[in-house]
Amino acid sequence: MGIFNKLTVSAFAIGLGAGTASADELKLADFQPPTHFIVEKVYTPFAEAVSEATGGDVTVEVFMGGELGPGPAEQYNRVVDGVADIAFSLPGYTASNFPMTLLAELPGVIDAETGTQQIVEHLDMLSDEYRRVHLVALWNNAPNLLLMAEKPVETLDDLSGLNIRVPSRNAGLVVQAWGANPVSMPAPEIYNAMQTGVIDGAMIDATTLNAFKLAEVTTYVTQGMDSTISEFFMIMNRDVFADLDASAQDAITEAGKQAALNGHAAWQTAAEGALDAFEATEGKQVITLSDEEAARFNAASEAVVAQIISDAEAEGIAAQAYIDALKGN
């Protein structure tokens, strides 16, 4: 069976190959649906690159939709515990483990278009945060927007008192500075929460309009302010990685670098397409803030960003040095 077929079958057949894999057959876990574009754009080329570089001695089998265990926040521990050899997730879901990594998500720190290249070039500065796992790939998402169920947000005042889902603690502090109530919630739970009125909207990127079908429960999307930019990672069990020979380790390292670039490109493209399709749909509206209102949003978040950096420095984290490196200063 070819790598592409293996990926396809594993993504759709629940439980296939769920027994303990040998060191040369790596189980990759992802909580997202099997139809997600990450399978084609990231996992297939990653698996093919690893297989080709190792002469087929190391293969990758993908388990989508939480087949190896549900819950985005649990993926990190599944890798640490060896339930999965590799997993995809967001460092923001286990934020306490990744304070330096998550500095890149703050408004104004990276540019959505160029951020991943800067992140990849400075992975060495993050090594201490990934000591319990092996970091395979890390990339930034498209900017987070405000997806609103029924209430349009055209001014900062429109957010006052609303319940807004956030992807991380830092994003929550930003939303709070904007006057809303941050609600921590994994992406797969947003649809039902917006549909039932548990939350008024969500801070999340535009790809989710399609990938998680949020366009069905979203009426307004607001953009134009400096927002948070979430990060994604692929992490690997450190013992499994250590047990591979040097050539296999090099293969995963190189394939991981390309996976980060592929992931970044895939999210940017998907976000643009999803937002265009949403705006073209009858009854849906994309709101771009006026320059004046965007400035109000940005001014409100500036103090929060400064405080997060200051707090990180007080805890012994070289926060400003990492931010300067990402900005090319």
Protein backbone atom coordinates (compact mmCIF):
# COMPACT_ATOMS: atom_id res chain seq x y z
CA MET A 1 0.00 0.00 0.00
CA GLY A 2 1.42 3.41 -1.00
CA ILE A 3 1.89 6.22 1.46
CA PHE A 4 -1.00 8.27 0.05
CA ASN A 5 -3.37 5.33 0.27
CA LYS A 6 -2.22 4.56 3.76
CA LEU A 7 -2.88 8.13 4.83
CA THR A 8 -6.32 8.12 3.25
CA VAL A 9 -7.39 4.83 4.75
CA SER A 10 -6.06 5.74 8.20
CA ALA A 11 -7.84 9.07 8.15
CA PHE A 12 -11.22 7.55 7.45
CA ALA A 13 -11.19 4.06 8.95
CA ILE A 14 -11.64 4.34 12.69
CA GLY A 15 -9.37 2.11 14.69
CA LEU A 16 -7.29 0.91 11.75
CA GLY A 17 -3.79 0.17 12.93
CA ALA A 18 -4.59 1.34 16.43
CA GLY A 19 -2.41 -1.31 18.04
CA THR A 20 1.11 -0.53 19.23
CA ALA A 21 3.24 0.50 16.28
CA SER A 22 6.88 -0.41 15.87
CA ALA A 23 9.44 2.36 16.00
CA ASP A 24 9.54 2.57 12.22
CA GLU A 25 5.77 2.98 11.82
CA LEU A 26 4.86 6.30 13.38
CA LYS A 27 1.31 7.09 14.52
CA LEU A 28 0.31 10.69 13.91
CA ALA A 29 -2.74 11.93 15.83
CA ASP A 30 -4.98 14.86 14.91
CA PHE A 31 -8.28 15.95 16.47
CA GLN A 32 -9.51 17.69 13.31
CA PRO A 33 -12.01 16.07 10.92
CA PRO A 34 -10.74 13.58 8.30
CA THR A 35 -11.77 15.98 5.52
CA HIS A 36 -9.47 18.75 6.80
CA PHE A 37 -7.05 20.12 4.20
CA ILE A 38 -4.09 19.39 6.48
CA VAL A 39 -4.14 15.74 5.35
CA GLU A 40 -3.43 16.57 1.72
CA LYS A 41 -1.35 19.70 2.21
CA VAL A 42 0.81 18.75 5.19
CA TYR A 43 0.61 15.11 6.26
CA THR A 44 0.82 13.43 2.86
CA PRO A 45 3.98 15.28 1.75
CA PHE A 46 5.47 14.87 5.24
CA ALA A 47 4.91 11.10 5.20
CA GLU A 48 6.17 10.78 1.63
CA ALA A 49 9.32 12.76 2.45
CA VAL A 50 10.10 10.64 5.52
CA SER A 51 9.49 7.39 3.65
CA GLU A 52 11.58 8.45 0.67
CA ALA A 53 14.49 9.69 2.76
CA THR A 54 14.58 6.48 4.80
CA GLY A 55 14.05 4.10 1.90
CA GLY A 56 10.71 3.08 3.36
CA ASP A 57 12.20 2.11 6.72
CA VAL A 58 10.13 4.75 8.51
CA THR A 59 6.49 5.34 7.61
CA VAL A 60 3.79 7.61 9.00
CA GLU A 61 0.18 6.58 9.58
CA VAL A 62 -2.34 9.35 10.24
CA PHE A 63 -5.31 9.07 12.60
CA MET A 64 -7.75 11.96 12.17
CA GLY A 65 -10.84 12.98 14.11
CA GLY A 66 -9.40 12.06 17.51
CA GLU A 67 -9.12 8.34 16.70
CA LEU A 68 -6.28 7.99 19.20
CA GLY A 69 -8.23 9.98 21.77
CA PRO A 70 -10.42 13.09 21.57
CA GLY A 71 -9.69 16.60 22.73
CA PRO A 72 -7.23 19.13 21.28
CA ALA A 73 -5.76 19.99 24.67
CA GLU A 74 -4.91 16.36 25.37
CA GLN A 75 -2.72 15.86 22.30
CA TYR A 76 0.45 17.09 24.02
CA ASN A 77 0.10 14.56 26.84
CA ARG A 78 -0.71 11.78 24.37
CA VAL A 79 2.69 12.33 22.80
CA VAL A 80 4.45 12.59 26.16
CA ASP A 81 2.78 9.35 27.28
CA GLY A 82 3.44 7.55 23.99
CA VAL A 83 -0.20 7.02 22.98
CA ALA A 84 0.73 8.78 19.75
CA ASP A 85 4.22 9.06 18.28
CA ILE A 86 3.45 12.41 16.64
CA ALA A 87 0.54 14.78 17.23
CA PHE A 88 -0.83 18.04 15.88
CA SER A 89 -2.19 20.69 18.22
CA LEU A 90 -1.92 24.30 19.32
CA PRO A 91 0.57 25.32 22.01
CA GLY A 92 -2.13 27.69 23.26
CA TYR A 93 -4.17 24.73 24.52
CA THR A 94 -1.42 23.91 27.03
CA ALA A 95 -0.19 27.48 27.40
CA SER A 96 1.67 27.02 30.69
CA ASN A 97 4.18 24.79 28.89
CA PHE A 98 4.94 27.28 26.12
CA PRO A 99 5.18 30.87 27.40
CA MET A 100 7.95 31.85 24.98
CA THR A 101 6.41 30.08 22.00
CA LEU A 102 3.16 31.93 22.56
CA LEU A 103 4.78 35.36 22.48
CA ALA A 104 4.59 35.09 18.69
CA GLU A 105 0.79 35.12 18.84
CA LEU A 106 0.61 38.59 20.38
CA PRO A 107 -0.69 41.41 18.19
CA GLY A 108 2.10 43.08 16.24
CA VAL A 109 4.87 40.55 16.95
CA ILE A 110 4.88 38.70 13.62
CA ASP A 111 3.40 39.26 10.21
CA ALA A 112 1.02 36.53 9.10
CA GLU A 113 2.73 36.20 5.73
CA THR A 114 6.34 36.01 6.91
CA GLY A 115 6.04 34.81 10.50
CA THR A 116 6.61 31.11 9.92
CA GLN A 117 9.97 31.65 8.24
CA GLN A 118 11.08 33.73 11.23
CA ILE A 119 9.79 31.09 13.65
CA VAL A 120 11.59 28.28 11.83
CA GLU A 121 14.85 30.24 11.81
CA HIS A 122 14.75 30.71 15.59
CA LEU A 123 13.52 27.33 16.83
CA ASP A 124 16.72 26.97 18.86
CA MET A 125 15.48 29.70 21.21
CA LEU A 126 12.50 27.50 22.12
CA SER A 127 14.40 24.28 22.92
CA ASP A 128 13.81 24.44 26.67
CA GLU A 129 10.02 24.49 26.22
CA TYR A 130 10.08 21.26 24.20
CA ARG A 131 12.38 19.25 26.44
CA ARG A 132 9.62 16.65 27.15
CA VAL A 133 8.95 16.12 23.45
CA HIS A 134 10.71 16.58 20.12
CA LEU A 135 9.45 19.57 18.14
CA VAL A 136 8.85 18.49 14.55
CA ALA A 137 7.19 21.60 13.09
CA LEU A 138 5.85 24.96 14.23
CA TRP A 139 4.01 27.49 12.09
CA ASN A 140 1.70 30.46 12.39
CA ASN A 141 -1.91 30.61 11.34
CA ALA A 142 -3.75 33.29 9.41
CA PRO A 143 -4.77 36.17 11.70
CA ASN A 144 -7.59 35.52 14.13
CA LEU A 145 -10.78 37.41 13.27
CA LEU A 146 -14.01 37.93 15.16
CA LEU A 147 -16.69 35.51 13.96
CA MET A 148 -20.02 36.69 15.33
CA ALA A 149 -23.24 34.71 15.47
CA GLU A 150 -25.78 37.52 15.43
CA LYS A 151 -24.22 40.75 16.70
CA PRO A 152 -22.09 42.81 14.29
CA VAL A 153 -18.89 44.34 15.66
CA GLU A 154 -18.15 47.63 13.91
CA THR A 155 -16.71 49.49 16.89
CA LEU A 156 -14.81 48.62 20.05
CA ASP A 157 -17.91 49.48 22.06
CA ASP A 158 -19.89 46.78 20.23
CA LEU A 159 -17.85 44.11 22.03
CA SER A 160 -18.68 45.34 25.51
CA GLY A 161 -19.95 42.50 27.70
CA LEU A 162 -20.11 39.89 24.91
CA ASN A 163 -18.89 36.33 25.43
CA ILE A 164 -16.09 35.61 22.96
CA ARG A 165 -14.32 32.30 22.58
CA VAL A 166 -10.52 32.61 22.69
CA PRO A 167 -7.80 30.13 21.65
CA SER A 168 -5.34 30.84 24.47
CA ARG A 169 -4.69 32.75 27.69
CA ASN A 170 -2.89 35.56 25.86
CA ALA A 171 -5.75 35.91 23.39
CA GLY A 172 -8.12 36.02 26.35
CA LEU A 173 -6.25 38.94 27.85
CA VAL A 174 -6.47 40.80 24.54
CA VAL A 175 -10.22 40.15 24.21
CA GLN A 176 -10.70 41.27 27.80
CA ALA A 177 -8.86 44.51 27.00
CA TRP A 178 -11.33 44.98 24.17
CA GLY A 179 -14.17 44.86 26.69
CA ALA A 180 -15.51 41.37 26.07
CA ASN A 181 -15.62 38.28 28.29
CA PRO A 182 -13.09 35.66 27.12
CA VAL A 183 -14.30 32.06 27.05
CA SER A 184 -11.72 29.29 26.67
CA MET A 185 -12.95 26.60 24.32
CA PRO A 186 -11.42 24.14 21.80
CA ALA A 187 -12.28 24.78 18.16
CA PRO A 188 -14.52 21.69 17.71
CA GLU A 189 -16.89 23.02 20.40
CA ILE A 190 -17.43 26.47 18.87
CA TYR A 191 -20.18 25.50 16.42
CA ASN A 192 -22.57 24.25 19.07
CA ALA A 193 -21.69 27.06 21.49
CA MET A 194 -22.45 29.73 18.89
CA GLN A 195 -25.59 27.95 17.69
CA THR A 196 -27.00 27.71 21.21
CA GLY A 197 -25.97 31.20 22.32
CA VAL A 198 -23.45 30.06 24.92
CA ILE A 199 -21.01 32.44 23.23
CA ASP A 200 -21.71 35.47 21.06
CA GLY A 201 -18.74 34.88 18.82
CA ALA A 202 -15.25 33.49 18.49
CA MET A 203 -11.75 34.78 17.97
CA ILE A 204 -10.44 32.35 15.37
CA ASP A 205 -9.05 32.29 11.84
CA ALA A 206 -11.12 32.26 8.66
CA THR A 207 -10.24 28.67 7.66
CA THR A 208 -12.68 27.46 10.30
CA LEU A 209 -15.58 28.91 8.35
CA ASN A 210 -15.17 25.82 6.15
CA ALA A 211 -13.03 23.39 8.13
CA PHE A 212 -15.34 23.45 11.16
CA LYS A 213 -18.40 24.68 9.22
CA LEU A 214 -18.57 27.85 11.29
CA ALA A 215 -19.98 29.76 8.32
CA GLU A 216 -23.27 28.03 9.12
CA VAL A 217 -23.52 29.73 12.53
CA THR A 218 -21.68 32.97 11.71
CA THR A 219 -23.42 36.05 10.32
CA TYR A 220 -20.67 38.65 10.67
CA VAL A 221 -16.87 38.55 10.48
CA THR A 222 -14.86 41.53 11.72
CA GLN A 223 -11.31 42.25 10.60
CA GLY A 224 -8.93 45.20 10.39
CA MET A 225 -7.41 45.37 13.88
CA ASP A 226 -4.06 43.93 14.93
CA SER A 227 -5.22 40.57 16.25
CA THR A 228 -3.62 37.50 17.72
CA ILE A 229 -2.10 34.95 15.35
CA SER A 230 -2.31 31.40 16.64
CA GLU A 231 0.44 28.85 16.19
CA PHE A 232 0.25 25.15 15.38
CA PHE A 233 2.78 22.45 16.10
CA MET A 234 3.62 18.87 15.32
CA ILE A 235 5.38 17.27 18.28
CA MET A 236 6.93 13.82 18.65
CA ASN A 237 7.58 11.48 21.55
CA ARG A 238 11.19 12.17 22.49
CA ASP A 239 12.04 8.52 23.21
CA VAL A 240 10.65 7.34 19.88
CA PHE A 241 12.68 10.03 18.13
CA ALA A 242 15.82 9.13 20.11
CA ASP A 243 15.45 5.44 19.18
CA LEU A 244 15.60 6.23 15.45
CA ASP A 245 18.98 6.18 13.74
CA ALA A 246 20.62 9.44 12.76
CA SER A 247 19.52 9.30 9.14
CA ALA A 248 15.88 8.79 10.15
CA GLN A 249 16.11 11.64 12.65
CA ASP A 250 17.50 13.89 9.92
CA ALA A 251 14.66 12.83 7.61
CA ILE A 252 12.04 13.82 10.18
CA THR A 253 13.80 17.09 10.94
CA GLU A 254 13.96 18.12 7.28
CA ALA A 255 10.41 16.93 6.56
CA GLY A 256 9.27 18.86 9.62
CA LYS A 257 10.77 22.11 8.38
CA GLN A 258 8.92 21.71 5.09
CA ALA A 259 5.74 20.70 6.92
CA ALA A 260 5.84 24.03 8.76
CA LEU A 261 6.11 25.94 5.49
CA ASN A 262 3.42 23.79 3.88
CA GLY A 263 1.13 24.27 6.86
CA HIS A 264 1.58 28.02 6.80
CA ALA A 265 0.86 28.22 3.07
CA ALA A 266 -2.17 25.94 3.36
CA TRP A 267 -3.74 27.96 6.16
CA GLN A 268 -3.14 31.28 4.44
CA THR A 269 -4.67 30.07 1.18
CA ALA A 270 -7.61 28.38 2.86
CA ALA A 271 -8.31 31.45 5.01
CA GLU A 272 -8.42 33.76 2.01
CA GLY A 273 -10.71 31.44 0.06
CA ALA A 274 -13.05 30.85 2.99
CA LEU A 275 -13.41 34.55 3.74
CA ASP A 276 -14.11 35.37 0.09
CA ALA A 277 -16.75 32.65 -0.10
CA PHE A 278 -18.34 33.83 3.14
CA GLU A 279 -18.54 37.44 1.93
CA ALA A 280 -20.14 36.28 -1.33
CA THR A 281 -22.90 34.41 0.52
CA GLU A 282 -26.26 36.10 0.83
CA GLY A 283 -27.01 37.22 4.38
CA LYS A 284 -23.33 37.18 5.43
CA GLN A 285 -21.13 40.24 5.96
CA VAL A 286 -17.42 40.89 6.37
CA ILE A 287 -16.85 44.07 8.36
CA THR A 288 -13.52 45.86 7.96
CA LEU A 289 -12.97 48.33 10.77
CA SER A 290 -12.40 51.97 9.97
CA ASP A 291 -8.89 53.24 10.61
CA GLU A 292 -10.16 55.09 13.67
CA GLU A 293 -11.79 52.02 15.19
CA ALA A 294 -8.85 49.78 14.34
CA ALA A 295 -6.62 52.22 16.20
CA ARG A 296 -8.90 51.99 19.24
CA PHE A 297 -8.64 48.18 19.24
CA ASN A 298 -4.86 48.34 18.85
CA ALA A 299 -4.45 50.91 21.61
CA ALA A 300 -6.50 48.74 23.97
CA SER A 301 -4.30 45.69 23.35
CA GLU A 302 -0.94 47.49 23.55
CA ALA A 303 -0.95 47.64 27.35
CA VAL A 304 -1.79 43.94 27.54
CA VAL A 305 1.05 43.01 25.21
CA ALA A 306 3.50 45.08 27.25
CA GLN A 307 2.32 43.44 30.48
CA ILE A 308 2.63 39.91 29.07
CA ILE A 309 6.20 40.64 27.97
CA SER A 310 7.04 42.17 31.35
CA ASP A 311 5.57 39.21 33.25
CA ALA A 312 7.50 36.76 31.10
CA GLU A 313 10.77 38.61 31.72
CA ALA A 314 10.07 38.56 35.46
CA GLU A 315 9.79 34.77 35.26
CA GLY A 316 13.22 34.49 33.67
CA ILE A 317 12.02 34.16 30.07
CA ALA A 318 14.01 36.04 27.44
CA ALA A 319 10.78 37.40 26.01
CA GLN A 320 12.05 40.62 24.48
CA ALA A 321 15.06 38.87 22.92
CA TYR A 322 12.77 36.34 21.24
CA ILE A 323 10.37 39.02 20.01
CA ASP A 324 13.29 41.06 18.66
CA ALA A 325 14.58 37.97 16.84
CA LEU A 326 11.19 37.32 15.26
CA LYS A 327 10.98 40.95 14.16
CA GLY A 328 14.49 40.82 12.73
CA ASN A 329 15.76 43.49 15.11
